Amino acid sequence: MNVLTEIVAVILAGLSFLLAGIGAAAGRRYGDTRLTLVAAGLAVIGGIGVLSVLHELSPLYGGPFAIDPIPLSLLVIAVGLLYLAFVRGGARQPPP
């Protein structure tokens, strides 16, 4: 049981599901299907994180989802970049 892998897997699952909820709410509010599709992709990544946590807790669960810390960290970085895209505003309009 690798503690670092467990921590990163929990961060991946939590952040992915949080952003999936934000994306789904924004897609519903603004009627933009692109946000809904991004939210669905984040939910899938969150599911991978949950299965990775289950595998770390007990090898009987999620056997094929044994992810090494480095690929798992890259997934967390990718989700973090998506978080920045959600938080950061769109293109700025030049002053008239």
N, C-alpha and C. Protein backbone atom coordinates (compact mmCIF):
# COMPACT_ATOMS: atom_id res chain seq x y z
N MET A 1 0.85 -1.17 0.00
CA MET A 1 0.00 0.00 0.00
C MET A 1 0.90 1.24 0.00
N ASN A 2 0.81 1.99 -1.08
CA ASN A 2 1.61 3.19 -1.22
C ASN A 2 0.77 4.40 -0.82
N VAL A 3 1.19 5.09 0.20
CA VAL A 3 0.43 6.21 0.74
C VAL A 3 0.33 7.36 -0.28
N LEU A 4 1.42 7.62 -1.00
CA LEU A 4 1.42 8.69 -2.00
C LEU A 4 0.39 8.41 -3.09
N THR A 5 0.32 7.18 -3.55
CA THR A 5 -0.64 6.81 -4.58
C THR A 5 -2.06 6.97 -4.08
N GLU A 6 -2.31 6.60 -2.84
CA GLU A 6 -3.65 6.75 -2.27
C GLU A 6 -4.05 8.22 -2.20
N ILE A 7 -3.14 9.07 -1.76
CA ILE A 7 -3.44 10.49 -1.63
C ILE A 7 -3.74 11.11 -2.99
N VAL A 8 -2.91 10.79 -3.98
CA VAL A 8 -3.10 11.35 -5.32
C VAL A 8 -4.40 10.82 -5.93
N ALA A 9 -4.73 9.55 -5.70
CA ALA A 9 -5.97 8.99 -6.23
C ALA A 9 -7.20 9.64 -5.60
N VAL A 10 -7.13 9.94 -4.31
CA VAL A 10 -8.24 10.63 -3.65
C VAL A 10 -8.38 12.05 -4.18
N ILE A 11 -7.26 12.74 -4.40
CA ILE A 11 -7.31 14.08 -4.97
C ILE A 11 -7.91 14.04 -6.37
N LEU A 12 -7.50 13.06 -7.16
CA LEU A 12 -8.03 12.93 -8.52
C LEU A 12 -9.53 12.70 -8.51
N ALA A 13 -9.99 11.78 -7.68
CA ALA A 13 -11.43 11.48 -7.63
C ALA A 13 -12.22 12.69 -7.13
N GLY A 14 -11.76 13.30 -6.05
CA GLY A 14 -12.49 14.43 -5.48
C GLY A 14 -12.54 15.63 -6.41
N LEU A 15 -11.40 16.02 -6.96
CA LEU A 15 -11.36 17.19 -7.83
C LEU A 15 -12.14 16.94 -9.12
N SER A 16 -12.06 15.73 -9.66
CA SER A 16 -12.78 15.42 -10.89
C SER A 16 -14.28 15.49 -10.68
N PHE A 17 -14.77 14.91 -9.59
CA PHE A 17 -16.21 14.94 -9.35
C PHE A 17 -16.69 16.35 -9.01
N LEU A 18 -15.86 17.12 -8.32
CA LEU A 18 -16.22 18.51 -8.03
C LEU A 18 -16.35 19.31 -9.33
N LEU A 19 -15.37 19.17 -10.21
CA LEU A 19 -15.43 19.89 -11.47
C LEU A 19 -16.54 19.36 -12.38
N ALA A 20 -16.83 18.07 -12.30
CA ALA A 20 -17.93 17.52 -13.09
C ALA A 20 -19.25 18.14 -12.64
N GLY A 21 -19.43 18.31 -11.35
CA GLY A 21 -20.64 18.96 -10.85
C GLY A 21 -20.73 20.40 -11.29
N ILE A 22 -19.61 21.12 -11.23
CA ILE A 22 -19.60 22.52 -11.65
C ILE A 22 -19.89 22.61 -13.15
N GLY A 23 -19.27 21.73 -13.94
CA GLY A 23 -19.50 21.74 -15.39
C GLY A 23 -20.92 21.39 -15.76
N ALA A 24 -21.51 20.42 -15.06
CA ALA A 24 -22.89 20.05 -15.34
C ALA A 24 -23.84 21.18 -14.99
N ALA A 25 -23.60 21.83 -13.85
CA ALA A 25 -24.46 22.96 -13.46
C ALA A 25 -24.33 24.12 -14.44
N ALA A 26 -23.12 24.41 -14.88
CA ALA A 26 -22.91 25.49 -15.83
C ALA A 26 -23.51 25.15 -17.18
N GLY A 27 -23.38 23.89 -17.61
CA GLY A 27 -23.96 23.48 -18.88
C GLY A 27 -25.48 23.58 -18.87
N ARG A 28 -26.07 23.24 -17.74
CA ARG A 28 -27.53 23.34 -17.62
C ARG A 28 -27.96 24.81 -17.56
N ARG A 29 -27.20 25.63 -16.85
CA ARG A 29 -27.58 27.03 -16.70
C ARG A 29 -27.46 27.81 -18.01
N TYR A 30 -26.35 27.57 -18.72
CA TYR A 30 -26.10 28.33 -19.94
C TYR A 30 -26.55 27.61 -21.21
N GLY A 31 -27.03 26.38 -21.08
CA GLY A 31 -27.50 25.63 -22.24
C GLY A 31 -26.40 25.27 -23.21
N ASP A 32 -25.19 25.10 -22.71
CA ASP A 32 -24.04 24.77 -23.56
C ASP A 32 -23.72 23.29 -23.41
N THR A 33 -23.85 22.54 -24.48
CA THR A 33 -23.60 21.09 -24.39
C THR A 33 -22.12 20.78 -24.26
N ARG A 34 -21.26 21.71 -24.66
CA ARG A 34 -19.82 21.45 -24.52
C ARG A 34 -19.43 21.31 -23.05
N LEU A 35 -20.00 22.15 -22.21
CA LEU A 35 -19.72 22.05 -20.78
C LEU A 35 -20.24 20.74 -20.20
N THR A 36 -21.38 20.31 -20.69
CA THR A 36 -21.94 19.04 -20.23
C THR A 36 -21.04 17.88 -20.64
N LEU A 37 -20.49 17.92 -21.85
CA LEU A 37 -19.58 16.86 -22.31
C LEU A 37 -18.28 16.86 -21.52
N VAL A 38 -17.76 18.05 -21.21
CA VAL A 38 -16.56 18.13 -20.37
C VAL A 38 -16.85 17.56 -18.99
N ALA A 39 -18.04 17.86 -18.46
CA ALA A 39 -18.42 17.33 -17.16
C ALA A 39 -18.51 15.80 -17.19
N ALA A 40 -19.02 15.25 -18.27
CA ALA A 40 -19.10 13.79 -18.40
C ALA A 40 -17.70 13.18 -18.45
N GLY A 41 -16.79 13.82 -19.18
CA GLY A 41 -15.41 13.32 -19.23
C GLY A 41 -14.74 13.38 -17.87
N LEU A 42 -14.99 14.45 -17.13
CA LEU A 42 -14.43 14.56 -15.78
C LEU A 42 -15.02 13.52 -14.84
N ALA A 43 -16.29 13.18 -15.04
CA ALA A 43 -16.91 12.14 -14.22
C ALA A 43 -16.25 10.79 -14.50
N VAL A 44 -15.91 10.53 -15.75
CA VAL A 44 -15.22 9.28 -16.08
C VAL A 44 -13.84 9.25 -15.43
N ILE A 45 -13.11 10.36 -15.49
CA ILE A 45 -11.80 10.43 -14.84
C ILE A 45 -11.95 10.25 -13.33
N GLY A 46 -13.00 10.82 -12.75
CA GLY A 46 -13.27 10.63 -11.33
C GLY A 46 -13.55 9.17 -11.00
N GLY A 47 -14.26 8.49 -11.88
CA GLY A 47 -14.50 7.05 -11.69
C GLY A 47 -13.21 6.25 -11.69
N ILE A 48 -12.28 6.63 -12.56
CA ILE A 48 -10.97 5.97 -12.58
C ILE A 48 -10.25 6.22 -11.26
N GLY A 49 -10.36 7.44 -10.74
CA GLY A 49 -9.75 7.75 -9.45
C GLY A 49 -10.34 6.93 -8.32
N VAL A 50 -11.67 6.76 -8.33
CA VAL A 50 -12.33 5.95 -7.29
C VAL A 50 -11.87 4.50 -7.38
N LEU A 51 -11.82 3.95 -8.60
CA LEU A 51 -11.37 2.56 -8.74
C LEU A 51 -9.90 2.40 -8.35
N SER A 52 -9.10 3.42 -8.60
CA SER A 52 -7.71 3.38 -8.17
C SER A 52 -7.60 3.40 -6.65
N VAL A 53 -8.43 4.20 -5.99
CA VAL A 53 -8.44 4.22 -4.52
C VAL A 53 -8.87 2.86 -3.99
N LEU A 54 -9.91 2.28 -4.58
CA LEU A 54 -10.36 0.95 -4.14
C LEU A 54 -9.27 -0.09 -4.33
N HIS A 55 -8.53 0.00 -5.43
CA HIS A 55 -7.45 -0.97 -5.64
C HIS A 55 -6.34 -0.79 -4.61
N GLU A 56 -6.05 0.45 -4.25
CA GLU A 56 -5.01 0.68 -3.25
C GLU A 56 -5.44 0.19 -1.87
N LEU A 57 -6.73 0.31 -1.56
CA LEU A 57 -7.21 -0.15 -0.27
C LEU A 57 -7.27 -1.67 -0.20
N SER A 58 -7.70 -2.30 -1.27
CA SER A 58 -7.76 -3.76 -1.32
C SER A 58 -7.56 -4.20 -2.76
N PRO A 59 -6.55 -5.03 -3.04
CA PRO A 59 -6.30 -5.47 -4.41
C PRO A 59 -7.45 -6.29 -5.01
N LEU A 60 -8.41 -6.69 -4.22
CA LEU A 60 -9.55 -7.44 -4.74
C LEU A 60 -10.47 -6.55 -5.57
N TYR A 61 -10.45 -5.24 -5.29
CA TYR A 61 -11.32 -4.31 -6.00
C TYR A 61 -10.53 -3.57 -7.07
N GLY A 62 -11.09 -3.43 -8.23
CA GLY A 62 -10.48 -2.62 -9.28
C GLY A 62 -9.12 -3.08 -9.69
N GLY A 63 -8.90 -4.38 -9.82
CA GLY A 63 -7.60 -4.94 -10.18
C GLY A 63 -6.96 -4.32 -11.41
N PRO A 64 -7.70 -4.14 -12.51
CA PRO A 64 -7.07 -3.56 -13.69
C PRO A 64 -6.76 -2.07 -13.55
N PHE A 65 -7.18 -1.45 -12.46
CA PHE A 65 -6.99 -0.01 -12.30
C PHE A 65 -5.82 0.31 -11.39
N ALA A 66 -4.86 -0.58 -11.31
CA ALA A 66 -3.65 -0.30 -10.55
C ALA A 66 -2.83 0.70 -11.34
N ILE A 67 -2.77 1.94 -10.87
CA ILE A 67 -2.08 3.01 -11.58
C ILE A 67 -0.88 3.43 -10.76
N ASP A 68 0.25 3.54 -11.44
CA ASP A 68 1.47 4.00 -10.77
C ASP A 68 1.33 5.48 -10.41
N PRO A 69 2.12 5.94 -9.45
CA PRO A 69 1.99 7.34 -9.01
C PRO A 69 2.25 8.37 -10.10
N ILE A 70 3.16 8.10 -11.02
CA ILE A 70 3.49 9.11 -12.04
C ILE A 70 2.33 9.31 -13.02
N PRO A 71 1.75 8.25 -13.63
CA PRO A 71 0.58 8.50 -14.49
C PRO A 71 -0.59 9.10 -13.72
N LEU A 72 -0.76 8.69 -12.48
CA LEU A 72 -1.83 9.23 -11.67
C LEU A 72 -1.60 10.72 -11.41
N SER A 73 -0.36 11.11 -11.18
CA SER A 73 -0.03 12.52 -10.98
C SER A 73 -0.27 13.33 -12.26
N LEU A 74 0.01 12.74 -13.41
CA LEU A 74 -0.25 13.43 -14.67
C LEU A 74 -1.74 13.65 -14.88
N LEU A 75 -2.56 12.68 -14.47
CA LEU A 75 -4.01 12.87 -14.54
C LEU A 75 -4.45 14.02 -13.63
N VAL A 76 -3.87 14.11 -12.45
CA VAL A 76 -4.20 15.19 -11.53
C VAL A 76 -3.80 16.54 -12.13
N ILE A 77 -2.65 16.60 -12.77
CA ILE A 77 -2.22 17.84 -13.42
C ILE A 77 -3.17 18.22 -14.54
N ALA A 78 -3.60 17.24 -15.34
CA ALA A 78 -4.55 17.51 -16.42
C ALA A 78 -5.87 18.05 -15.88
N VAL A 79 -6.36 17.45 -14.81
CA VAL A 79 -7.60 17.92 -14.21
C VAL A 79 -7.40 19.30 -13.60
N GLY A 80 -6.23 19.55 -13.04
CA GLY A 80 -5.93 20.87 -12.50
C GLY A 80 -5.92 21.94 -13.59
N LEU A 81 -5.42 21.59 -14.77
CA LEU A 81 -5.46 22.54 -15.88
C LEU A 81 -6.90 22.81 -16.33
N LEU A 82 -7.73 21.78 -16.29
CA LEU A 82 -9.15 22.00 -16.59
C LEU A 82 -9.78 22.90 -15.53
N TYR A 83 -9.36 22.74 -14.28
CA TYR A 83 -9.86 23.60 -13.22
C TYR A 83 -9.50 25.06 -13.51
N LEU A 84 -8.27 25.29 -13.92
CA LEU A 84 -7.86 26.65 -14.26
C LEU A 84 -8.67 27.19 -15.43
N ALA A 85 -9.00 26.34 -16.40
CA ALA A 85 -9.81 26.78 -17.53
C ALA A 85 -11.22 27.17 -17.07
N PHE A 86 -11.76 26.45 -16.08
CA PHE A 86 -13.09 26.78 -15.57
C PHE A 86 -13.07 28.08 -14.77
N VAL A 87 -12.02 28.27 -13.99
CA VAL A 87 -11.95 29.41 -13.10
C VAL A 87 -11.58 30.70 -13.85
N ARG A 88 -10.67 30.58 -14.76
CA ARG A 88 -10.19 31.77 -15.47
C ARG A 88 -11.26 32.26 -16.43
N GLY A 89 -11.39 33.55 -16.54
CA GLY A 89 -12.38 34.15 -17.43
C GLY A 89 -12.05 33.91 -18.88
N GLY A 90 -13.00 34.20 -19.75
CA GLY A 90 -12.81 34.06 -21.19
C GLY A 90 -11.89 35.13 -21.74
N ALA A 91 -11.92 35.28 -23.05
CA ALA A 91 -11.08 36.27 -23.72
C ALA A 91 -11.50 37.67 -23.29
N ARG A 92 -10.54 38.49 -23.04
CA ARG A 92 -10.83 39.85 -22.62
C ARG A 92 -11.12 40.74 -23.83
N GLN A 93 -12.12 41.56 -23.71
CA GLN A 93 -12.47 42.46 -24.78
C GLN A 93 -11.56 43.70 -24.72
N PRO A 94 -11.03 44.11 -25.87
CA PRO A 94 -10.21 45.33 -25.85
C PRO A 94 -11.09 46.55 -25.58
N PRO A 95 -10.55 47.55 -24.88
CA PRO A 95 -11.36 48.75 -24.60
C PRO A 95 -11.69 49.48 -25.90
N PRO A 96 -12.89 50.05 -25.98
CA PRO A 96 -13.29 50.75 -27.23
C PRO A 96 -12.56 52.06 -27.46
